[in-house]
């Protein structure tokens, strides 16, 4: 056993709960991107799909390409 394996959870339940948490976090970020894109007059469903399919890259791309907020 390697030194850091002793602290790793051996239960697959912990792994699946971690993945579920990541999925929920990515969904919430994509939902925020959708709502923000709609407010800014951009295509909300497109940006939701990009942010959800490519979580980190899609979010950063949205932050780079988003428009100014309408006044």
N, C-alpha and C. Protein backbone atom coordinates (compact mmCIF):
# COMPACT_ATOMS: atom_id res chain seq x y z
N UNK A 1 0.85 -1.18 0.00
CA UNK A 1 0.00 0.00 0.00
C UNK A 1 0.90 1.25 0.00
N UNK A 2 0.55 2.18 -0.84
CA UNK A 2 1.29 3.43 -0.91
C UNK A 2 0.92 4.32 0.27
N UNK A 3 1.76 5.27 0.64
CA UNK A 3 1.50 6.08 1.84
C UNK A 3 0.16 6.81 1.83
N UNK A 4 -0.25 7.35 0.69
CA UNK A 4 -1.48 8.14 0.67
C UNK A 4 -2.72 7.31 0.43
N UNK A 5 -2.57 6.04 0.15
CA UNK A 5 -3.73 5.18 -0.07
C UNK A 5 -4.44 4.86 1.24
N UNK A 6 -3.75 4.93 2.34
CA UNK A 6 -4.37 4.60 3.62
C UNK A 6 -5.48 5.58 3.96
N UNK A 7 -5.35 6.83 3.53
CA UNK A 7 -6.36 7.83 3.84
C UNK A 7 -7.49 7.86 2.81
N UNK A 8 -7.34 7.16 1.71
CA UNK A 8 -8.36 7.17 0.66
C UNK A 8 -9.58 6.38 1.10
N UNK A 9 -10.76 6.88 0.80
CA UNK A 9 -11.97 6.13 1.17
C UNK A 9 -12.06 4.84 0.36
N UNK A 10 -12.41 3.77 1.02
CA UNK A 10 -12.49 2.49 0.33
C UNK A 10 -13.90 2.20 -0.16
N UNK A 11 -14.84 2.98 0.27
CA UNK A 11 -16.23 2.74 -0.11
C UNK A 11 -16.55 3.41 -1.44
N UNK A 12 -17.15 2.67 -2.37
CA UNK A 12 -17.54 3.30 -3.63
C UNK A 12 -18.66 4.33 -3.45
N UNK A 13 -19.37 4.26 -2.34
CA UNK A 13 -20.44 5.22 -2.08
C UNK A 13 -19.87 6.63 -1.96
N UNK A 14 -18.75 6.78 -1.31
CA UNK A 14 -18.12 8.10 -1.17
C UNK A 14 -17.74 8.64 -2.53
N UNK A 15 -17.22 7.79 -3.39
CA UNK A 15 -16.85 8.19 -4.74
C UNK A 15 -18.07 8.67 -5.52
N UNK A 16 -19.17 7.92 -5.45
CA UNK A 16 -20.38 8.31 -6.19
C UNK A 16 -21.01 9.57 -5.62
N UNK A 17 -20.93 9.75 -4.32
CA UNK A 17 -21.44 10.99 -3.73
C UNK A 17 -20.60 12.18 -4.16
N UNK A 18 -19.31 11.99 -4.27
CA UNK A 18 -18.42 13.05 -4.77
C UNK A 18 -18.78 13.41 -6.21
N UNK A 19 -18.97 12.40 -7.05
CA UNK A 19 -19.35 12.66 -8.45
C UNK A 19 -20.71 13.34 -8.54
N UNK A 20 -21.64 12.94 -7.69
CA UNK A 20 -22.95 13.59 -7.68
C UNK A 20 -22.82 15.05 -7.28
N UNK A 21 -21.98 15.34 -6.30
CA UNK A 21 -21.75 16.72 -5.90
C UNK A 21 -21.14 17.55 -7.02
N UNK A 22 -20.19 16.97 -7.75
CA UNK A 22 -19.60 17.67 -8.90
C UNK A 22 -20.66 17.93 -9.96
N UNK A 23 -21.49 16.94 -10.24
CA UNK A 23 -22.55 17.09 -11.24
C UNK A 23 -23.50 18.22 -10.84
N UNK A 24 -23.89 18.27 -9.59
CA UNK A 24 -24.79 19.33 -9.11
C UNK A 24 -24.11 20.69 -9.20
N UNK A 25 -22.84 20.76 -8.83
CA UNK A 25 -22.11 22.03 -8.91
C UNK A 25 -22.00 22.50 -10.36
N UNK A 26 -21.67 21.60 -11.28
CA UNK A 26 -21.57 21.97 -12.69
C UNK A 26 -22.93 22.43 -13.23
N UNK A 27 -24.00 21.75 -12.80
CA UNK A 27 -25.34 22.14 -13.24
C UNK A 27 -25.69 23.54 -12.73
N UNK A 28 -25.38 23.83 -11.47
CA UNK A 28 -25.69 25.14 -10.91
C UNK A 28 -24.89 26.25 -11.59
N UNK A 29 -23.64 25.99 -11.91
CA UNK A 29 -22.83 26.98 -12.64
C UNK A 29 -23.43 27.20 -14.02
N UNK A 30 -23.80 26.12 -14.71
CA UNK A 30 -24.40 26.25 -16.04
C UNK A 30 -25.73 26.99 -15.96
N UNK A 31 -26.50 26.77 -14.91
CA UNK A 31 -27.77 27.48 -14.74
C UNK A 31 -27.52 28.97 -14.53
N UNK A 32 -26.51 29.33 -13.75
CA UNK A 32 -26.17 30.74 -13.58
C UNK A 32 -25.74 31.36 -14.90
N UNK A 33 -24.94 30.63 -15.68
CA UNK A 33 -24.50 31.11 -16.99
C UNK A 33 -25.72 31.35 -17.88
N UNK A 34 -26.68 30.44 -17.87
CA UNK A 34 -27.90 30.59 -18.66
C UNK A 34 -28.65 31.86 -18.28
N UNK A 35 -28.86 32.05 -16.99
CA UNK A 35 -29.61 33.23 -16.53
C UNK A 35 -28.86 34.52 -16.84
N UNK A 36 -27.56 34.53 -16.65
CA UNK A 36 -26.76 35.73 -16.92
C UNK A 36 -26.74 36.02 -18.41
N UNK A 37 -26.65 34.99 -19.23
CA UNK A 37 -26.65 35.19 -20.69
C UNK A 37 -27.98 35.77 -21.15
N UNK A 38 -29.08 35.30 -20.58
CA UNK A 38 -30.40 35.84 -20.96
C UNK A 38 -30.51 37.31 -20.57
N UNK A 39 -30.01 37.69 -19.41
CA UNK A 39 -30.06 39.08 -18.96
C UNK A 39 -29.24 39.96 -19.89
N UNK A 40 -28.14 39.44 -20.38
CA UNK A 40 -27.23 40.21 -21.24
C UNK A 40 -27.62 40.16 -22.72
N UNK A 41 -28.75 39.54 -23.05
CA UNK A 41 -29.21 39.49 -24.43
C UNK A 41 -28.46 38.51 -25.30
N UNK A 42 -27.90 37.47 -24.69
CA UNK A 42 -27.16 36.45 -25.44
C UNK A 42 -28.02 35.18 -25.50
N UNK A 43 -27.55 34.19 -26.22
CA UNK A 43 -28.28 32.93 -26.37
C UNK A 43 -28.08 32.07 -25.12
N UNK A 44 -29.05 32.10 -24.23
CA UNK A 44 -28.96 31.37 -22.97
C UNK A 44 -28.82 29.86 -23.12
N UNK A 45 -29.68 29.21 -23.94
CA UNK A 45 -29.56 27.75 -24.07
C UNK A 45 -28.21 27.30 -24.64
N UNK A 46 -27.67 28.07 -25.57
CA UNK A 46 -26.35 27.73 -26.13
C UNK A 46 -25.29 27.77 -25.04
N UNK A 47 -25.27 28.86 -24.28
CA UNK A 47 -24.24 28.99 -23.25
C UNK A 47 -24.44 28.00 -22.11
N UNK A 48 -25.70 27.64 -21.82
CA UNK A 48 -25.95 26.59 -20.83
C UNK A 48 -25.32 25.28 -21.29
N UNK A 49 -25.55 24.93 -22.56
CA UNK A 49 -25.00 23.68 -23.09
C UNK A 49 -23.48 23.68 -23.07
N UNK A 50 -22.88 24.81 -23.44
CA UNK A 50 -21.41 24.90 -23.44
C UNK A 50 -20.88 24.77 -22.01
N UNK A 51 -21.48 25.50 -21.08
CA UNK A 51 -21.00 25.49 -19.69
C UNK A 51 -21.22 24.14 -19.02
N UNK A 52 -22.27 23.42 -19.42
CA UNK A 52 -22.55 22.13 -18.81
C UNK A 52 -21.72 21.01 -19.44
N UNK A 53 -21.53 21.07 -20.76
CA UNK A 53 -20.78 20.02 -21.45
C UNK A 53 -19.28 20.13 -21.20
N UNK A 54 -18.79 21.36 -21.10
CA UNK A 54 -17.36 21.60 -20.85
C UNK A 54 -17.25 22.49 -19.62
N UNK A 55 -17.42 21.94 -18.43
CA UNK A 55 -17.64 22.75 -17.23
C UNK A 55 -16.65 23.89 -17.00
N UNK A 56 -15.39 23.63 -16.90
CA UNK A 56 -14.44 24.70 -16.58
C UNK A 56 -14.17 25.55 -17.81
N UNK A 57 -13.88 24.91 -18.94
CA UNK A 57 -13.60 25.64 -20.17
C UNK A 57 -14.80 26.47 -20.61
N UNK A 58 -16.00 25.90 -20.54
CA UNK A 58 -17.21 26.62 -20.96
C UNK A 58 -17.48 27.84 -20.10
N UNK A 59 -17.26 27.72 -18.79
CA UNK A 59 -17.49 28.85 -17.89
C UNK A 59 -16.50 29.97 -18.17
N UNK A 60 -15.23 29.61 -18.35
CA UNK A 60 -14.21 30.63 -18.65
C UNK A 60 -14.48 31.27 -20.00
N UNK A 61 -14.88 30.48 -21.00
CA UNK A 61 -15.21 31.02 -22.32
C UNK A 61 -16.37 32.00 -22.22
N UNK A 62 -17.38 31.67 -21.41
CA UNK A 62 -18.50 32.58 -21.24
C UNK A 62 -18.05 33.89 -20.60
N UNK A 63 -17.21 33.81 -19.59
CA UNK A 63 -16.73 35.03 -18.94
C UNK A 63 -15.94 35.90 -19.91
N UNK A 64 -15.24 35.30 -20.84
CA UNK A 64 -14.46 36.06 -21.82
C UNK A 64 -15.37 36.71 -22.86
N UNK A 65 -16.36 35.97 -23.35
CA UNK A 65 -17.18 36.44 -24.48
C UNK A 65 -18.49 37.12 -24.09
N UNK A 66 -18.81 37.20 -22.82
CA UNK A 66 -20.11 37.79 -22.46
C UNK A 66 -20.12 39.29 -22.73
N UNK A 67 -21.31 39.79 -22.99
CA UNK A 67 -21.50 41.21 -23.29
C UNK A 67 -21.68 41.99 -21.99
N UNK A 68 -21.64 43.31 -22.16
CA UNK A 68 -21.91 44.18 -21.01
C UNK A 68 -23.39 44.08 -20.65
N UNK A 69 -23.69 44.33 -19.41
CA UNK A 69 -25.06 44.31 -18.93
C UNK A 69 -25.83 45.49 -19.51
N UNK A 70 -27.04 45.24 -20.04
CA UNK A 70 -27.81 46.37 -20.58
C UNK A 70 -28.25 47.31 -19.45
N UNK A 71 -28.30 48.58 -19.75
CA UNK A 71 -28.69 49.55 -18.72
C UNK A 71 -30.11 49.99 -18.87
